[in-house]
Amino acid sequence: MDITNRAKSLMSGYLEENRIELVDMIYRREGSGMVLRLLADTPEGITMDQCERLNNYLGRMLETENVIEGHYVIEVSSPGLDRPIRTDRDYERSLGKKLDVTTYEPVDGTKTHEGTLIGMNKDSIVLESAGVSTVILKRLAASAKLKVEI
């Protein structure tokens, strides 16, 4: 079992108990050392304290189980407001929010779309802007992210 799968297994109970979603995890060489980087979130947004507690928990578990040999660093952080929306879960979490979507080919005459996500199914999303609804097939979405308004 590779290191990321082993780490997921070791922290699965902790994540579930604390209602934390593991958004992404990578393990790779950076500079002169290895880094295990986790992006985590909760329905309310993850705090720095929650990231620190997850980091400490995972560090203890990896040491106890002797999963990684040699020196490594664990980094746990929030995926941020501008994180890409890729999975069905990401779209579900974004229902009712404004999105910026770029498509591989024109949909309704344009490749750039902005609007409130008002619906979705396994194949498509529906954005609404100025009372007009646009259906976009998920497979055509080159990128999608929350519209950050300042």
N, C-alpha and C. Protein backbone atom coordinates (compact mmCIF):
# COMPACT_ATOMS: atom_id res chain seq x y z
N MET A 1 0.86 -1.18 0.00
CA MET A 1 0.00 0.00 0.00
C MET A 1 0.90 1.24 0.00
N ASP A 2 0.60 2.19 -0.89
CA ASP A 2 1.46 3.38 -0.94
C ASP A 2 1.20 4.28 0.28
N ILE A 3 2.07 5.25 0.46
CA ILE A 3 2.04 6.08 1.66
C ILE A 3 0.75 6.89 1.77
N THR A 4 0.25 7.45 0.67
CA THR A 4 -0.97 8.25 0.78
C THR A 4 -2.17 7.37 1.17
N ASN A 5 -2.26 6.18 0.59
CA ASN A 5 -3.36 5.29 0.97
C ASN A 5 -3.24 4.83 2.42
N ARG A 6 -2.02 4.58 2.86
CA ARG A 6 -1.81 4.17 4.25
C ARG A 6 -2.19 5.31 5.19
N ALA A 7 -1.80 6.54 4.84
CA ALA A 7 -2.15 7.71 5.67
C ALA A 7 -3.66 7.90 5.72
N LYS A 8 -4.33 7.76 4.56
CA LYS A 8 -5.80 7.87 4.54
C LYS A 8 -6.43 6.85 5.46
N SER A 9 -5.93 5.64 5.42
CA SER A 9 -6.46 4.58 6.26
C SER A 9 -6.27 4.90 7.74
N LEU A 10 -5.09 5.40 8.09
CA LEU A 10 -4.79 5.72 9.50
C LEU A 10 -5.63 6.85 10.06
N MET A 11 -6.03 7.80 9.20
CA MET A 11 -6.77 8.95 9.72
C MET A 11 -8.25 8.93 9.38
N SER A 12 -8.74 7.88 8.74
CA SER A 12 -10.14 7.86 8.30
C SER A 12 -11.11 8.02 9.47
N GLY A 13 -10.86 7.35 10.57
CA GLY A 13 -11.74 7.47 11.73
C GLY A 13 -11.71 8.87 12.32
N TYR A 14 -10.54 9.46 12.39
CA TYR A 14 -10.38 10.82 12.90
C TYR A 14 -11.14 11.81 12.03
N LEU A 15 -10.98 11.66 10.71
CA LEU A 15 -11.67 12.57 9.78
C LEU A 15 -13.18 12.46 9.95
N GLU A 16 -13.68 11.24 10.01
CA GLU A 16 -15.13 11.04 10.15
C GLU A 16 -15.63 11.60 11.47
N GLU A 17 -14.93 11.30 12.55
CA GLU A 17 -15.33 11.76 13.88
C GLU A 17 -15.37 13.28 13.98
N ASN A 18 -14.47 13.95 13.27
CA ASN A 18 -14.37 15.40 13.34
C ASN A 18 -15.02 16.11 12.16
N ARG A 19 -15.76 15.34 11.34
CA ARG A 19 -16.48 15.87 10.18
C ARG A 19 -15.56 16.65 9.25
N ILE A 20 -14.36 16.10 9.02
CA ILE A 20 -13.38 16.72 8.14
C ILE A 20 -13.34 15.93 6.84
N GLU A 21 -13.39 16.66 5.73
CA GLU A 21 -13.29 16.03 4.42
C GLU A 21 -11.86 16.20 3.90
N LEU A 22 -11.25 15.11 3.49
CA LEU A 22 -9.94 15.17 2.85
C LEU A 22 -10.17 15.53 1.39
N VAL A 23 -9.77 16.73 1.00
CA VAL A 23 -10.00 17.22 -0.36
C VAL A 23 -8.93 16.68 -1.30
N ASP A 24 -7.69 16.66 -0.84
CA ASP A 24 -6.59 16.19 -1.68
C ASP A 24 -5.41 15.85 -0.79
N MET A 25 -4.55 14.95 -1.27
CA MET A 25 -3.34 14.61 -0.55
C MET A 25 -2.29 14.17 -1.55
N ILE A 26 -1.09 14.69 -1.38
CA ILE A 26 0.03 14.27 -2.22
C ILE A 26 1.25 14.02 -1.33
N TYR A 27 2.10 13.13 -1.78
CA TYR A 27 3.37 12.85 -1.12
C TYR A 27 4.43 12.91 -2.19
N ARG A 28 5.37 13.85 -2.04
CA ARG A 28 6.38 14.01 -3.08
C ARG A 28 7.63 14.69 -2.52
N ARG A 29 8.70 14.57 -3.30
CA ARG A 29 9.95 15.23 -2.95
C ARG A 29 9.82 16.70 -3.31
N GLU A 30 10.21 17.54 -2.36
CA GLU A 30 10.27 18.98 -2.59
C GLU A 30 11.57 19.46 -1.99
N GLY A 31 12.41 20.04 -2.81
CA GLY A 31 13.73 20.46 -2.33
C GLY A 31 14.53 19.23 -1.93
N SER A 32 15.01 19.24 -0.71
CA SER A 32 15.85 18.13 -0.27
C SER A 32 15.09 17.10 0.57
N GLY A 33 13.78 17.26 0.72
CA GLY A 33 13.03 16.35 1.57
C GLY A 33 11.69 15.97 0.99
N MET A 34 11.01 15.10 1.72
CA MET A 34 9.69 14.62 1.32
C MET A 34 8.62 15.40 2.06
N VAL A 35 7.51 15.67 1.37
CA VAL A 35 6.39 16.42 1.95
C VAL A 35 5.10 15.64 1.73
N LEU A 36 4.34 15.48 2.81
CA LEU A 36 3.00 14.91 2.74
C LEU A 36 2.06 16.09 2.93
N ARG A 37 1.39 16.51 1.85
CA ARG A 37 0.56 17.71 1.87
C ARG A 37 -0.91 17.32 1.78
N LEU A 38 -1.70 17.79 2.75
CA LEU A 38 -3.13 17.51 2.80
C LEU A 38 -3.91 18.80 2.66
N LEU A 39 -4.98 18.76 1.87
CA LEU A 39 -5.96 19.82 1.83
C LEU A 39 -7.22 19.26 2.48
N ALA A 40 -7.70 19.93 3.51
CA ALA A 40 -8.85 19.44 4.26
C ALA A 40 -9.86 20.55 4.43
N ASP A 41 -11.12 20.15 4.62
CA ASP A 41 -12.18 21.14 4.77
C ASP A 41 -13.29 20.56 5.62
N THR A 42 -14.17 21.42 6.10
CA THR A 42 -15.39 21.01 6.79
C THR A 42 -16.53 21.79 6.16
N PRO A 43 -17.76 21.40 6.42
CA PRO A 43 -18.89 22.15 5.86
C PRO A 43 -18.88 23.63 6.25
N GLU A 44 -18.33 23.95 7.42
CA GLU A 44 -18.27 25.33 7.89
C GLU A 44 -16.98 26.02 7.51
N GLY A 45 -16.06 25.30 6.88
CA GLY A 45 -14.71 25.81 6.63
C GLY A 45 -13.80 25.34 7.74
N ILE A 46 -12.59 25.01 7.42
CA ILE A 46 -11.67 24.46 8.41
C ILE A 46 -10.85 25.58 9.05
N THR A 47 -10.59 25.45 10.35
CA THR A 47 -9.82 26.44 11.08
C THR A 47 -8.36 26.02 11.15
N MET A 48 -7.51 26.97 11.51
CA MET A 48 -6.09 26.65 11.69
C MET A 48 -5.90 25.64 12.82
N ASP A 49 -6.69 25.77 13.88
CA ASP A 49 -6.59 24.81 15.00
C ASP A 49 -6.94 23.40 14.54
N GLN A 50 -7.98 23.27 13.71
CA GLN A 50 -8.35 21.95 13.19
C GLN A 50 -7.24 21.38 12.31
N CYS A 51 -6.62 22.23 11.49
CA CYS A 51 -5.50 21.78 10.65
C CYS A 51 -4.34 21.31 11.53
N GLU A 52 -4.04 22.07 12.57
CA GLU A 52 -2.94 21.71 13.48
C GLU A 52 -3.22 20.39 14.19
N ARG A 53 -4.45 20.22 14.67
CA ARG A 53 -4.79 18.96 15.36
C ARG A 53 -4.71 17.77 14.42
N LEU A 54 -5.18 17.94 13.16
CA LEU A 54 -5.08 16.86 12.18
C LEU A 54 -3.62 16.55 11.88
N ASN A 55 -2.81 17.58 11.72
CA ASN A 55 -1.38 17.40 11.48
C ASN A 55 -0.74 16.60 12.62
N ASN A 56 -1.01 17.00 13.86
CA ASN A 56 -0.44 16.31 15.01
C ASN A 56 -0.91 14.87 15.10
N TYR A 57 -2.20 14.65 14.87
CA TYR A 57 -2.75 13.29 14.92
C TYR A 57 -2.09 12.40 13.87
N LEU A 58 -2.04 12.89 12.64
CA LEU A 58 -1.46 12.09 11.56
C LEU A 58 0.02 11.84 11.82
N GLY A 59 0.74 12.84 12.31
CA GLY A 59 2.15 12.66 12.63
C GLY A 59 2.37 11.55 13.65
N ARG A 60 1.56 11.55 14.71
CA ARG A 60 1.66 10.49 15.74
C ARG A 60 1.38 9.13 15.14
N MET A 61 0.33 9.04 14.31
CA MET A 61 -0.05 7.75 13.72
C MET A 61 1.03 7.24 12.77
N LEU A 62 1.58 8.12 11.95
CA LEU A 62 2.63 7.71 11.01
C LEU A 62 3.88 7.23 11.75
N GLU A 63 4.20 7.91 12.85
CA GLU A 63 5.36 7.50 13.66
C GLU A 63 5.10 6.17 14.36
N THR A 64 3.93 6.04 14.96
CA THR A 64 3.58 4.81 15.67
C THR A 64 3.62 3.61 14.74
N GLU A 65 3.09 3.79 13.54
CA GLU A 65 3.01 2.69 12.57
C GLU A 65 4.27 2.59 11.70
N ASN A 66 5.21 3.51 11.89
CA ASN A 66 6.46 3.53 11.13
C ASN A 66 6.20 3.44 9.62
N VAL A 67 5.33 4.33 9.14
CA VAL A 67 4.90 4.30 7.74
C VAL A 67 5.94 4.91 6.80
N ILE A 68 6.56 6.01 7.22
CA ILE A 68 7.51 6.71 6.36
C ILE A 68 8.89 6.65 7.00
N GLU A 69 9.84 6.18 6.24
CA GLU A 69 11.22 6.14 6.73
C GLU A 69 11.92 7.43 6.35
N GLY A 70 12.81 7.87 7.21
CA GLY A 70 13.55 9.09 6.92
C GLY A 70 12.77 10.33 7.30
N HIS A 71 13.35 11.47 6.96
CA HIS A 71 12.77 12.77 7.32
C HIS A 71 11.66 13.15 6.33
N TYR A 72 10.59 13.70 6.86
CA TYR A 72 9.48 14.19 6.04
C TYR A 72 8.77 15.30 6.79
N VAL A 73 7.98 16.06 6.07
CA VAL A 73 7.19 17.15 6.63
C VAL A 73 5.73 16.91 6.28
N ILE A 74 4.85 17.15 7.24
CA ILE A 74 3.41 17.09 6.98
C ILE A 74 2.89 18.52 6.95
N GLU A 75 2.13 18.84 5.92
CA GLU A 75 1.48 20.14 5.82
C GLU A 75 -0.02 19.92 5.65
N VAL A 76 -0.81 20.54 6.52
CA VAL A 76 -2.27 20.46 6.41
C VAL A 76 -2.79 21.88 6.26
N SER A 77 -3.61 22.10 5.24
CA SER A 77 -4.17 23.44 5.04
C SER A 77 -5.55 23.36 4.41
N SER A 78 -6.18 24.51 4.36
CA SER A 78 -7.47 24.66 3.69
C SER A 78 -7.23 24.70 2.19
N PRO A 79 -8.18 24.21 1.41
CA PRO A 79 -8.03 24.30 -0.04
C PRO A 79 -8.18 25.73 -0.57
N GLY A 80 -8.66 26.65 0.24
CA GLY A 80 -8.78 28.04 -0.17
C GLY A 80 -10.08 28.33 -0.90
N LEU A 81 -10.40 29.60 -0.97
CA LEU A 81 -11.64 30.03 -1.62
C LEU A 81 -11.64 29.78 -3.12
N ASP A 82 -10.46 29.86 -3.73
CA ASP A 82 -10.40 29.74 -5.19
C ASP A 82 -10.03 28.33 -5.66
N ARG A 83 -10.29 27.35 -4.80
CA ARG A 83 -9.94 25.99 -5.19
C ARG A 83 -10.79 25.54 -6.37
N PRO A 84 -10.23 24.69 -7.19
CA PRO A 84 -11.01 24.19 -8.33
C PRO A 84 -12.17 23.31 -7.88
N ILE A 85 -13.25 23.38 -8.62
CA ILE A 85 -14.41 22.53 -8.37
C ILE A 85 -14.35 21.42 -9.41
N ARG A 86 -14.18 20.18 -8.94
CA ARG A 86 -13.99 19.06 -9.86
C ARG A 86 -14.99 17.92 -9.66
N THR A 87 -15.26 17.61 -8.41
CA THR A 87 -16.05 16.42 -8.11
C THR A 87 -17.52 16.76 -7.89
N ASP A 88 -18.37 15.74 -7.92
CA ASP A 88 -19.79 15.95 -7.62
C ASP A 88 -19.94 16.57 -6.23
N ARG A 89 -19.14 16.11 -5.27
CA ARG A 89 -19.21 16.65 -3.92
C ARG A 89 -18.88 18.15 -3.92
N ASP A 90 -17.87 18.55 -4.73
CA ASP A 90 -17.52 19.96 -4.84
C ASP A 90 -18.70 20.77 -5.37
N TYR A 91 -19.37 20.25 -6.41
CA TYR A 91 -20.52 20.95 -6.97
C TYR A 91 -21.67 21.00 -5.96
N GLU A 92 -21.91 19.91 -5.24
CA GLU A 92 -22.98 19.90 -4.23
C GLU A 92 -22.72 20.98 -3.19
N ARG A 93 -21.48 21.10 -2.74
CA ARG A 93 -21.10 22.08 -1.73
C ARG A 93 -21.28 23.50 -2.27
N SER A 94 -21.26 23.65 -3.59
CA SER A 94 -21.33 24.97 -4.21
C SER A 94 -22.73 25.37 -4.65
N LEU A 95 -23.72 24.52 -4.45
CA LEU A 95 -25.10 24.86 -4.83
C LEU A 95 -25.51 26.17 -4.16
N GLY A 96 -26.09 27.06 -4.94
CA GLY A 96 -26.54 28.35 -4.43
C GLY A 96 -25.45 29.41 -4.42
N LYS A 97 -24.24 29.06 -4.84
CA LYS A 97 -23.13 30.01 -4.85
C LYS A 97 -22.78 30.39 -6.29
N LYS A 98 -22.12 31.55 -6.42
CA LYS A 98 -21.71 32.02 -7.75
C LYS A 98 -20.43 31.32 -8.18
N LEU A 99 -20.42 30.88 -9.45
CA LEU A 99 -19.26 30.19 -10.01
C LEU A 99 -18.77 30.90 -11.26
N ASP A 100 -17.48 30.72 -11.53
CA ASP A 100 -16.88 31.05 -12.82
C ASP A 100 -16.54 29.72 -13.46
N VAL A 101 -17.05 29.47 -14.66
CA VAL A 101 -16.80 28.22 -15.36
C VAL A 101 -16.27 28.54 -16.75
N THR A 102 -15.19 27.86 -17.12
CA THR A 102 -14.64 27.96 -18.47
C THR A 102 -14.82 26.60 -19.13
N THR A 103 -15.32 26.59 -20.36
CA THR A 103 -15.56 25.33 -21.06
C THR A 103 -14.57 25.13 -22.20
N TYR A 104 -14.37 23.87 -22.56
CA TYR A 104 -13.46 23.52 -23.66
C TYR A 104 -13.98 24.01 -25.01
N GLU A 105 -15.28 24.06 -25.13
CA GLU A 105 -15.89 24.53 -26.37
C GLU A 105 -17.07 25.43 -26.00
N PRO A 106 -17.50 26.28 -26.91
CA PRO A 106 -18.59 27.21 -26.58
C PRO A 106 -19.89 26.51 -26.17
N VAL A 107 -20.50 27.06 -25.15
CA VAL A 107 -21.84 26.66 -24.73
C VAL A 107 -22.66 27.94 -24.77
N ASP A 108 -23.75 27.93 -25.52
CA ASP A 108 -24.55 29.13 -25.73
C ASP A 108 -23.69 30.28 -26.26
N GLY A 109 -22.72 29.93 -27.13
CA GLY A 109 -21.93 30.94 -27.83
C GLY A 109 -20.70 31.45 -27.11
N THR A 110 -20.40 30.96 -25.91
CA THR A 110 -19.22 31.45 -25.19
C THR A 110 -18.55 30.33 -24.40
N LYS A 111 -17.26 30.52 -24.13
CA LYS A 111 -16.51 29.56 -23.32
C LYS A 111 -16.41 29.98 -21.86
N THR A 112 -16.79 31.21 -21.55
CA THR A 112 -16.72 31.68 -20.16
C THR A 112 -18.13 31.92 -19.64
N HIS A 113 -18.37 31.43 -18.44
CA HIS A 113 -19.71 31.49 -17.85
C HIS A 113 -19.60 31.91 -16.40
N GLU A 114 -20.51 32.75 -15.98
CA GLU A 114 -20.59 33.18 -14.60
C GLU A 114 -22.05 33.13 -14.20
N GLY A 115 -22.31 32.57 -13.03
CA GLY A 115 -23.68 32.52 -12.55
C GLY A 115 -23.80 31.72 -11.28
N THR A 116 -24.99 31.71 -10.74
CA THR A 116 -25.27 30.96 -9.52
C THR A 116 -25.58 29.52 -9.89
N LEU A 117 -24.93 28.59 -9.21
CA LEU A 117 -25.19 27.17 -9.44
C LEU A 117 -26.54 26.83 -8.82
N ILE A 118 -27.54 26.57 -9.69
CA ILE A 118 -28.89 26.32 -9.19
C ILE A 118 -29.30 24.86 -9.31
N GLY A 119 -28.49 24.06 -10.00
CA GLY A 119 -28.84 22.65 -10.15
C GLY A 119 -27.70 21.84 -10.72
N MET A 120 -27.80 20.53 -10.55
CA MET A 120 -26.79 19.63 -11.09
C MET A 120 -27.34 18.22 -11.11
N ASN A 121 -26.75 17.41 -11.96
CA ASN A 121 -26.99 15.97 -11.93
C ASN A 121 -25.67 15.31 -12.27
N LYS A 122 -25.67 14.01 -12.55
CA LYS A 122 -24.39 13.33 -12.76
C LYS A 122 -23.66 13.80 -14.01
N ASP A 123 -24.37 14.39 -14.97
CA ASP A 123 -23.76 14.78 -16.23
C ASP A 123 -23.59 16.28 -16.45
N SER A 124 -24.38 17.10 -15.75
CA SER A 124 -24.37 18.53 -16.06
C SER A 124 -24.61 19.40 -14.83
N ILE A 125 -24.32 20.69 -15.02
CA ILE A 125 -24.62 21.70 -14.00
C ILE A 125 -25.49 22.76 -14.66
N VAL A 126 -26.22 23.51 -13.84
CA VAL A 126 -27.06 24.59 -14.35
C VAL A 126 -26.68 25.87 -13.61
N LEU A 127 -26.24 26.86 -14.40
CA LEU A 127 -25.93 28.18 -13.86
C LEU A 127 -27.04 29.14 -14.23
N GLU A 128 -27.34 30.06 -13.32
CA GLU A 128 -28.34 31.09 -13.61
C GLU A 128 -27.70 32.46 -13.45
N SER A 129 -27.91 33.31 -14.46
CA SER A 129 -27.41 34.67 -14.40
C SER A 129 -28.42 35.58 -15.08
N ALA A 130 -28.82 36.63 -14.39
CA ALA A 130 -29.79 37.61 -14.91
C ALA A 130 -31.06 36.92 -15.40
N GLY A 131 -31.52 35.90 -14.68
CA GLY A 131 -32.75 35.21 -15.01
C GLY A 131 -32.64 34.20 -16.14
N VAL A 132 -31.44 34.01 -16.69
CA VAL A 132 -31.22 33.06 -17.79
C VAL A 132 -30.44 31.85 -17.26
N SER A 133 -30.96 30.66 -17.54
CA SER A 133 -30.29 29.44 -17.12
C SER A 133 -29.46 28.86 -18.25
N THR A 134 -28.26 28.38 -17.90
CA THR A 134 -27.36 27.75 -18.85
C THR A 134 -27.01 26.37 -18.34
N VAL A 135 -27.23 25.35 -19.18
CA VAL A 135 -26.88 23.98 -18.83
C VAL A 135 -25.50 23.69 -19.44
N ILE A 136 -24.57 23.24 -18.59
CA ILE A 136 -23.21 22.94 -19.04
C ILE A 136 -22.90 21.49 -18.70
N LEU A 137 -22.53 20.72 -19.70
CA LEU A 137 -22.11 19.34 -19.45
C LEU A 137 -20.81 19.36 -18.66
N LYS A 138 -20.73 18.55 -17.62
CA LYS A 138 -19.53 18.53 -16.78
C LYS A 138 -18.28 18.18 -17.59
N ARG A 139 -18.43 17.32 -18.57
CA ARG A 139 -17.26 16.90 -19.36
C ARG A 139 -16.71 18.05 -20.20
N LEU A 140 -17.50 19.12 -20.40
CA LEU A 140 -17.04 20.28 -21.14
C LEU A 140 -16.39 21.33 -20.24
N ALA A 141 -16.49 21.17 -18.93
CA ALA A 141 -15.93 22.15 -18.00
C ALA A 141 -14.42 22.00 -17.90
N ALA A 142 -13.69 22.95 -18.47
CA ALA A 142 -12.23 22.95 -18.37
C ALA A 142 -11.80 23.38 -16.97
N SER A 143 -12.52 24.36 -16.41
CA SER A 143 -12.26 24.78 -15.04
C SER A 143 -13.53 25.36 -14.46
N ALA A 144 -13.67 25.18 -13.15
CA ALA A 144 -14.80 25.76 -12.43
C ALA A 144 -14.29 26.13 -11.04
N LYS A 145 -14.67 27.31 -10.58
CA LYS A 145 -14.29 27.72 -9.23
C LYS A 145 -15.30 28.74 -8.70
N LEU A 146 -15.32 28.87 -7.38
CA LEU A 146 -16.19 29.86 -6.76
C LEU A 146 -15.78 31.24 -7.22
N LYS A 147 -16.76 32.09 -7.46
CA LYS A 147 -16.47 33.48 -7.81
C LYS A 147 -16.22 34.22 -6.50
N VAL A 148 -15.02 34.72 -6.37
CA VAL A 148 -14.66 35.46 -5.17
C VAL A 148 -14.96 36.92 -5.41
N GLU A 149 -15.86 37.46 -4.60
CA GLU A 149 -16.24 38.86 -4.73
C GLU A 149 -15.69 39.64 -3.57
N ILE A 150 -15.01 40.72 -3.89
CA ILE A 150 -14.39 41.54 -2.84
C ILE A 150 -15.17 42.81 -2.64
